[in-house]
PDB file of all heavy atoms in Angstrom:
ATOM      1  N   VAL A   1       1.065   0.500   5.174  1.00  0.00           N
ATOM      2  CA  VAL A   1       2.351   0.046   4.674  1.00  0.00           C
ATOM      3  C   VAL A   1       2.140  -0.960   3.569  1.00  0.00           C
ATOM      4  O   VAL A   1       1.088  -1.608   3.494  1.00  0.00           O
ATOM      5  CB  VAL A   1       3.231  -0.562   5.793  1.00  0.00           C
ATOM      6  CG1 VAL A   1       3.652   0.495   6.799  1.00  0.00           C
ATOM      7  CG2 VAL A   1       2.534  -1.719   6.479  1.00  0.00           C
ATOM      8  N   ILE A   2       3.158  -1.099   2.729  1.00  0.00           N
ATOM      9  CA  ILE A   2       3.084  -2.034   1.615  1.00  0.00           C
ATOM     10  C   ILE A   2       4.449  -2.695   1.452  1.00  0.00           C
ATOM     11  O   ILE A   2       5.491  -2.031   1.545  1.00  0.00           O
ATOM     12  CB  ILE A   2       2.634  -1.296   0.327  1.00  0.00           C
ATOM     13  CG1 ILE A   2       2.369  -2.263  -0.817  1.00  0.00           C
ATOM     14  CG2 ILE A   2       3.632  -0.215  -0.091  1.00  0.00           C
ATOM     15  CD1 ILE A   2       1.610  -1.629  -1.973  1.00  0.00           C
ATOM     16  N   SER A   3       4.444  -3.997   1.206  1.00  0.00           N
ATOM     17  CA  SER A   3       5.691  -4.729   1.056  1.00  0.00           C
ATOM     18  C   SER A   3       6.357  -4.391  -0.265  1.00  0.00           C
ATOM     19  O   SER A   3       5.771  -3.727  -1.130  1.00  0.00           O
ATOM     20  CB  SER A   3       5.429  -6.228   1.135  1.00  0.00           C
ATOM     21  OG  SER A   3       4.636  -6.635   0.035  1.00  0.00           O
ATOM     22  N   ARG A   4       7.576  -4.886  -0.434  1.00  0.00           N
ATOM     23  CA  ARG A   4       8.361  -4.450  -1.578  1.00  0.00           C
ATOM     24  C   ARG A   4       7.766  -4.851  -2.916  1.00  0.00           C
ATOM     25  O   ARG A   4       7.951  -4.160  -3.915  1.00  0.00           O
ATOM     26  CB  ARG A   4       9.796  -4.947  -1.442  1.00  0.00           C
ATOM     27  CG  ARG A   4       9.964  -6.438  -1.490  1.00  0.00           C
ATOM     28  CD  ARG A   4      11.418  -6.768  -1.252  1.00  0.00           C
ATOM     29  NE  ARG A   4      11.772  -8.092  -1.757  1.00  0.00           N
ATOM     30  CZ  ARG A   4      13.002  -8.576  -1.746  1.00  0.00           C
ATOM     31  NH1 ARG A   4      14.001  -7.866  -1.233  1.00  0.00           N
ATOM     32  NH2 ARG A   4      13.245  -9.761  -2.236  1.00  0.00           N
ATOM     33  N   SER A   5       7.023  -5.959  -2.947  1.00  0.00           N
ATOM     34  CA  SER A   5       6.375  -6.365  -4.196  1.00  0.00           C
ATOM     35  C   SER A   5       5.003  -5.739  -4.358  1.00  0.00           C
ATOM     36  O   SER A   5       4.410  -5.764  -5.442  1.00  0.00           O
ATOM     37  CB  SER A   5       6.227  -7.885  -4.237  1.00  0.00           C
ATOM     38  OG  SER A   5       5.173  -8.290  -3.391  1.00  0.00           O
ATOM     39  N   GLY A   6       4.470  -5.231  -3.266  1.00  0.00           N
ATOM     40  CA  GLY A   6       3.101  -4.737  -3.264  1.00  0.00           C
ATOM     41  C   GLY A   6       2.090  -5.796  -2.880  1.00  0.00           C
ATOM     42  O   GLY A   6       0.896  -5.512  -2.787  1.00  0.00           O
ATOM     43  N   GLY A   7       2.571  -7.010  -2.624  1.00  0.00           N
ATOM     44  CA  GLY A   7       1.652  -8.104  -2.358  1.00  0.00           C
ATOM     45  C   GLY A   7       1.100  -8.146  -0.949  1.00  0.00           C
ATOM     46  O   GLY A   7       0.135  -8.861  -0.680  1.00  0.00           O
ATOM     47  N   ARG A   8       1.714  -7.389  -0.061  1.00  0.00           N
ATOM     48  CA  ARG A   8       1.260  -7.373   1.334  1.00  0.00           C
ATOM     49  C   ARG A   8       1.051  -5.940   1.782  1.00  0.00           C
ATOM     50  O   ARG A   8       1.952  -5.113   1.662  1.00  0.00           O
ATOM     51  CB  ARG A   8       2.282  -8.069   2.225  1.00  0.00           C
ATOM     52  CG  ARG A   8       2.335  -9.573   2.042  1.00  0.00           C
ATOM     53  CD  ARG A   8       3.481 -10.209   2.796  1.00  0.00           C
ATOM     54  NE  ARG A   8       3.401 -11.663   2.778  1.00  0.00           N
ATOM     55  CZ  ARG A   8       3.772 -12.424   1.768  1.00  0.00           C
ATOM     56  NH1 ARG A   8       4.266 -11.868   0.675  1.00  0.00           N
ATOM     57  NH2 ARG A   8       3.673 -13.739   1.855  1.00  0.00           N
ATOM     58  N   THR A   9      -0.134  -5.685   2.296  1.00  0.00           N
ATOM     59  CA  THR A   9      -0.459  -4.355   2.787  1.00  0.00           C
ATOM     60  C   THR A   9      -1.079  -4.457   4.171  1.00  0.00           C
ATOM     61  O   THR A   9      -1.671  -5.481   4.544  1.00  0.00           O
ATOM     62  CB  THR A   9      -1.443  -3.626   1.861  1.00  0.00           C
ATOM     63  OG1 THR A   9      -2.647  -4.413   1.737  1.00  0.00           O
ATOM     64  CG2 THR A   9      -0.855  -3.422   0.471  1.00  0.00           C
ATOM     65  N   MET A  10      -0.932  -3.387   4.931  1.00  0.00           N
ATOM     66  CA  MET A  10      -1.561  -3.285   6.239  1.00  0.00           C
ATOM     67  C   MET A  10      -2.050  -1.862   6.422  1.00  0.00           C
ATOM     68  O   MET A  10      -1.423  -0.915   5.926  1.00  0.00           O
ATOM     69  CB  MET A  10      -0.581  -3.643   7.359  1.00  0.00           C
ATOM     70  CG  MET A  10      -0.149  -5.092   7.382  1.00  0.00           C
ATOM     71  SD  MET A  10       0.959  -5.458   8.760  1.00  0.00           S
ATOM     72  CE  MET A  10      -0.159  -5.210  10.138  1.00  0.00           C
ATOM     73  N   TYR A  11      -3.156  -1.735   7.164  1.00  0.00           N
ATOM     74  CA  TYR A  11      -3.762  -0.429   7.383  1.00  0.00           C
ATOM     75  C   TYR A  11      -4.070  -0.227   8.858  1.00  0.00           C
ATOM     76  O   TYR A  11      -4.414  -1.178   9.568  1.00  0.00           O
ATOM     77  CB  TYR A  11      -5.064  -0.308   6.598  1.00  0.00           C
ATOM     78  CG  TYR A  11      -4.887  -0.373   5.103  1.00  0.00           C
ATOM     79  CD1 TYR A  11      -4.939  -1.588   4.420  1.00  0.00           C
ATOM     80  CD2 TYR A  11      -4.653   0.791   4.360  1.00  0.00           C
ATOM     81  CE1 TYR A  11      -4.765  -1.653   3.043  1.00  0.00           C
ATOM     82  CE2 TYR A  11      -4.482   0.736   2.982  1.00  0.00           C
ATOM     83  CZ  TYR A  11      -4.540  -0.481   2.328  1.00  0.00           C
ATOM     84  OH  TYR A  11      -4.370  -0.542   0.973  1.00  0.00           O
ATOM     85  N   ALA A  12      -3.996   1.009   9.289  1.00  0.00           N
ATOM     86  CA  ALA A  12      -4.492   1.346  10.605  1.00  0.00           C
ATOM     87  C   ALA A  12      -5.994   1.078  10.630  1.00  0.00           C
ATOM     88  O   ALA A  12      -6.689   1.261   9.611  1.00  0.00           O
ATOM     89  CB  ALA A  12      -4.225   2.813  10.918  1.00  0.00           C
ATOM     90  N   ASP A  13      -6.503   0.633  11.762  1.00  0.00           N
ATOM     91  CA  ASP A  13      -7.927   0.322  11.851  1.00  0.00           C
ATOM     92  C   ASP A  13      -8.794   1.517  11.458  1.00  0.00           C
ATOM     93  O   ASP A  13      -9.856   1.361  10.858  1.00  0.00           O
ATOM     94  CB  ASP A  13      -8.268  -0.110  13.277  1.00  0.00           C
ATOM     95  CG  ASP A  13      -7.730  -1.490  13.606  1.00  0.00           C
ATOM     96  OD1 ASP A  13      -7.367  -2.235  12.667  1.00  0.00           O
ATOM     97  OD2 ASP A  13      -7.658  -1.817  14.799  1.00  0.00           O
ATOM     98  N   SER A  14      -8.332   2.697  11.790  1.00  0.00           N
ATOM     99  CA  SER A  14      -9.135   3.896  11.553  1.00  0.00           C
ATOM    100  C   SER A  14      -9.312   4.220  10.067  1.00  0.00           C
ATOM    101  O   SER A  14     -10.203   4.995   9.713  1.00  0.00           O
ATOM    102  CB  SER A  14      -8.506   5.094  12.259  1.00  0.00           C
ATOM    103  OG  SER A  14      -7.202   5.342  11.754  1.00  0.00           O
ATOM    104  N   VAL A  15      -8.468   3.649   9.203  1.00  0.00           N
ATOM    105  CA  VAL A  15      -8.555   3.981   7.779  1.00  0.00           C
ATOM    106  C   VAL A  15      -8.958   2.802   6.910  1.00  0.00           C
ATOM    107  O   VAL A  15      -9.155   2.956   5.703  1.00  0.00           O
ATOM    108  CB  VAL A  15      -7.216   4.571   7.260  1.00  0.00           C
ATOM    109  CG1 VAL A  15      -6.761   5.726   8.132  1.00  0.00           C
ATOM    110  CG2 VAL A  15      -6.135   3.514   7.140  1.00  0.00           C
ATOM    111  N   LYS A  16      -9.102   1.627   7.510  1.00  0.00           N
ATOM    112  CA  LYS A  16      -9.463   0.442   6.735  1.00  0.00           C
ATOM    113  C   LYS A  16     -10.766   0.659   5.991  1.00  0.00           C
ATOM    114  O   LYS A  16     -11.743   1.163   6.541  1.00  0.00           O
ATOM    115  CB  LYS A  16      -9.594  -0.766   7.656  1.00  0.00           C
ATOM    116  CG  LYS A  16      -8.273  -1.383   8.061  1.00  0.00           C
ATOM    117  CD  LYS A  16      -8.492  -2.584   8.974  1.00  0.00           C
ATOM    118  CE  LYS A  16      -7.169  -3.176   9.430  1.00  0.00           C
ATOM    119  NZ  LYS A  16      -7.362  -4.286  10.386  1.00  0.00           N
ATOM    120  N   GLY A  17     -10.763   0.273   4.725  1.00  0.00           N
ATOM    121  CA  GLY A  17     -11.958   0.424   3.907  1.00  0.00           C
ATOM    122  C   GLY A  17     -12.087   1.788   3.246  1.00  0.00           C
ATOM    123  O   GLY A  17     -12.929   1.965   2.351  1.00  0.00           O
ATOM    124  N   ARG A  18     -11.271   2.747   3.674  1.00  0.00           N
ATOM    125  CA  ARG A  18     -11.336   4.086   3.081  1.00  0.00           C
ATOM    126  C   ARG A  18     -10.049   4.476   2.362  1.00  0.00           C
ATOM    127  O   ARG A  18     -10.092   5.221   1.380  1.00  0.00           O
ATOM    128  CB  ARG A  18     -11.636   5.126   4.168  1.00  0.00           C
ATOM    129  CG  ARG A  18     -12.966   4.938   4.876  1.00  0.00           C
ATOM    130  CD  ARG A  18     -13.246   6.079   5.842  1.00  0.00           C
ATOM    131  NE  ARG A  18     -12.240   6.141   6.907  1.00  0.00           N
ATOM    132  CZ  ARG A  18     -11.425   7.178   7.096  1.00  0.00           C
ATOM    133  NH1 ARG A  18     -11.480   8.244   6.305  1.00  0.00           N
ATOM    134  NH2 ARG A  18     -10.547   7.165   8.091  1.00  0.00           N
ATOM    135  N   PHE A  19      -8.928   3.988   2.848  1.00  0.00           N
ATOM    136  CA  PHE A  19      -7.627   4.324   2.265  1.00  0.00           C
ATOM    137  C   PHE A  19      -7.078   3.109   1.526  1.00  0.00           C
ATOM    138  O   PHE A  19      -7.286   1.969   1.949  1.00  0.00           O
ATOM    139  CB  PHE A  19      -6.624   4.737   3.341  1.00  0.00           C
ATOM    140  CG  PHE A  19      -6.870   6.075   3.984  1.00  0.00           C
ATOM    141  CD1 PHE A  19      -8.093   6.739   3.859  1.00  0.00           C
ATOM    142  CD2 PHE A  19      -5.878   6.671   4.743  1.00  0.00           C
ATOM    143  CE1 PHE A  19      -8.314   7.967   4.467  1.00  0.00           C
ATOM    144  CE2 PHE A  19      -6.074   7.900   5.357  1.00  0.00           C
ATOM    145  CZ  PHE A  19      -7.302   8.539   5.214  1.00  0.00           C
ATOM    146  N   THR A  20      -6.336   3.373   0.463  1.00  0.00           N
ATOM    147  CA  THR A  20      -5.681   2.306  -0.291  1.00  0.00           C
ATOM    148  C   THR A  20      -4.249   2.720  -0.604  1.00  0.00           C
ATOM    149  O   THR A  20      -4.018   3.776  -1.208  1.00  0.00           O
ATOM    150  CB  THR A  20      -6.415   2.016  -1.598  1.00  0.00           C
ATOM    151  OG1 THR A  20      -7.775   1.671  -1.318  1.00  0.00           O
ATOM    152  CG2 THR A  20      -5.743   0.862  -2.336  1.00  0.00           C
ATOM    153  N   ILE A  21      -3.300   1.882  -0.208  1.00  0.00           N
ATOM    154  CA  ILE A  21      -1.902   2.112  -0.537  1.00  0.00           C
ATOM    155  C   ILE A  21      -1.556   1.246  -1.748  1.00  0.00           C
ATOM    156  O   ILE A  21      -2.012   0.112  -1.869  1.00  0.00           O
ATOM    157  CB  ILE A  21      -0.979   1.795   0.660  1.00  0.00           C
ATOM    158  CG1 ILE A  21       0.459   2.226   0.365  1.00  0.00           C
ATOM    159  CG2 ILE A  21      -1.058   0.326   1.068  1.00  0.00           C
ATOM    160  CD1 ILE A  21       1.385   2.149   1.590  1.00  0.00           C
ATOM    161  N   SER A  22      -0.745   1.807  -2.640  1.00  0.00           N
ATOM    162  CA  SER A  22      -0.314   1.057  -3.816  1.00  0.00           C
ATOM    163  C   SER A  22       1.069   1.552  -4.223  1.00  0.00           C
ATOM    164  O   SER A  22       1.528   2.595  -3.750  1.00  0.00           O
ATOM    165  CB  SER A  22      -1.308   1.219  -4.967  1.00  0.00           C
ATOM    166  OG  SER A  22      -1.416   2.580  -5.355  1.00  0.00           O
ATOM    167  N   ARG A  23       1.704   0.789  -5.099  1.00  0.00           N
ATOM    168  CA  ARG A  23       3.030   1.185  -5.547  1.00  0.00           C
ATOM    169  C   ARG A  23       3.238   0.807  -7.005  1.00  0.00           C
ATOM    170  O   ARG A  23       2.606  -0.121  -7.518  1.00  0.00           O
ATOM    171  CB  ARG A  23       4.115   0.559  -4.671  1.00  0.00           C
ATOM    172  CG  ARG A  23       4.204  -0.943  -4.724  1.00  0.00           C
ATOM    173  CD  ARG A  23       5.181  -1.467  -3.677  1.00  0.00           C
ATOM    174  NE  ARG A  23       6.554  -1.038  -3.935  1.00  0.00           N
ATOM    175  CZ  ARG A  23       7.507  -0.988  -2.992  1.00  0.00           C
ATOM    176  NH1 ARG A  23       7.228  -1.348  -1.748  1.00  0.00           N
ATOM    177  NH2 ARG A  23       8.738  -0.618  -3.316  1.00  0.00           N
ATOM    178  N   ASP A  24       4.140   1.518  -7.636  1.00  0.00           N
ATOM    179  CA  ASP A  24       4.524   1.277  -9.023  1.00  0.00           C
ATOM    180  C   ASP A  24       6.031   1.103  -9.031  1.00  0.00           C
ATOM    181  O   ASP A  24       6.778   2.097  -9.031  1.00  0.00           O
ATOM    182  CB  ASP A  24       4.078   2.464  -9.884  1.00  0.00           C
ATOM    183  CG  ASP A  24       4.481   2.330 -11.338  1.00  0.00           C
ATOM    184  OD1 ASP A  24       5.205   1.371 -11.678  1.00  0.00           O
ATOM    185  OD2 ASP A  24       4.077   3.189 -12.144  1.00  0.00           O
ATOM    186  N   ASN A  25       6.476  -0.136  -9.038  1.00  0.00           N
ATOM    187  CA  ASN A  25       7.917  -0.386  -8.952  1.00  0.00           C
ATOM    188  C   ASN A  25       8.662   0.004 -10.224  1.00  0.00           C
ATOM    189  O   ASN A  25       9.868   0.222 -10.194  1.00  0.00           O
ATOM    190  CB  ASN A  25       8.180  -1.853  -8.609  1.00  0.00           C
ATOM    191  CG  ASN A  25       7.951  -2.141  -7.137  1.00  0.00           C
ATOM    192  OD1 ASN A  25       7.625  -1.253  -6.345  1.00  0.00           O
ATOM    193  ND2 ASN A  25       8.106  -3.403  -6.754  1.00  0.00           N
ATOM    194  N   ALA A  26       7.954   0.083 -11.314  1.00  0.00           N
ATOM    195  CA  ALA A  26       8.608   0.488 -12.566  1.00  0.00           C
ATOM    196  C   ALA A  26       8.973   1.968 -12.558  1.00  0.00           C
ATOM    197  O   ALA A  26       9.917   2.386 -13.242  1.00  0.00           O
ATOM    198  CB  ALA A  26       7.707   0.185 -13.753  1.00  0.00           C
ATOM    199  N   ASN A  27       8.227   2.739 -11.790  1.00  0.00           N
ATOM    200  CA  ASN A  27       8.428   4.187 -11.774  1.00  0.00           C
ATOM    201  C   ASN A  27       8.805   4.745 -10.403  1.00  0.00           C
ATOM    202  O   ASN A  27       8.819   5.961 -10.214  1.00  0.00           O
ATOM    203  CB  ASN A  27       7.177   4.894 -12.280  1.00  0.00           C
ATOM    204  CG  ASN A  27       6.949   4.636 -13.749  1.00  0.00           C
ATOM    205  OD1 ASN A  27       7.755   5.059 -14.594  1.00  0.00           O
ATOM    206  ND2 ASN A  27       5.876   3.924 -14.082  1.00  0.00           N
ATOM    207  N   ASN A  28       9.106   3.850  -9.465  1.00  0.00           N
ATOM    208  CA  ASN A  28       9.554   4.264  -8.126  1.00  0.00           C
ATOM    209  C   ASN A  28       8.561   5.198  -7.444  1.00  0.00           C
ATOM    210  O   ASN A  28       8.935   6.254  -6.914  1.00  0.00           O
ATOM    211  CB  ASN A  28      10.939   4.926  -8.204  1.00  0.00           C
ATOM    212  CG  ASN A  28      12.049   3.964  -8.545  1.00  0.00           C
ATOM    213  OD1 ASN A  28      11.789   2.838  -8.968  1.00  0.00           O
ATOM    214  ND2 ASN A  28      13.282   4.395  -8.386  1.00  0.00           N
ATOM    215  N   MET A  29       7.298   4.788  -7.471  1.00  0.00           N
ATOM    216  CA  MET A  29       6.250   5.620  -6.887  1.00  0.00           C
ATOM    217  C   MET A  29       5.436   4.803  -5.890  1.00  0.00           C
ATOM    218  O   MET A  29       5.209   3.600  -6.084  1.00  0.00           O
ATOM    219  CB  MET A  29       5.304   6.155  -7.956  1.00  0.00           C
ATOM    220  CG  MET A  29       5.948   7.084  -8.974  1.00  0.00           C
ATOM    221  SD  MET A  29       6.400   8.691  -8.284  1.00  0.00           S
ATOM    222  CE  MET A  29       4.768   9.332  -7.869  1.00  0.00           C
ATOM    223  N   VAL A  30       4.953   5.473  -4.867  1.00  0.00           N
ATOM    224  CA  VAL A  30       3.987   4.883  -3.950  1.00  0.00           C
ATOM    225  C   VAL A  30       2.859   5.886  -3.765  1.00  0.00           C
ATOM    226  O   VAL A  30       3.080   7.096  -3.804  1.00  0.00           O
ATOM    227  CB  VAL A  30       4.641   4.493  -2.609  1.00  0.00           C
ATOM    228  CG1 VAL A  30       5.198   5.693  -1.882  1.00  0.00           C
ATOM    229  CG2 VAL A  30       3.671   3.722  -1.731  1.00  0.00           C
TER     230      VAL A  30
END
């Protein structure tokens, strides 16, 4: 998950270090 600004993220333990969530608020993309 990622907060509305993108400044806070959390990951399931099973994916930590392998997955990255990000967002582009200018283009409404995650």
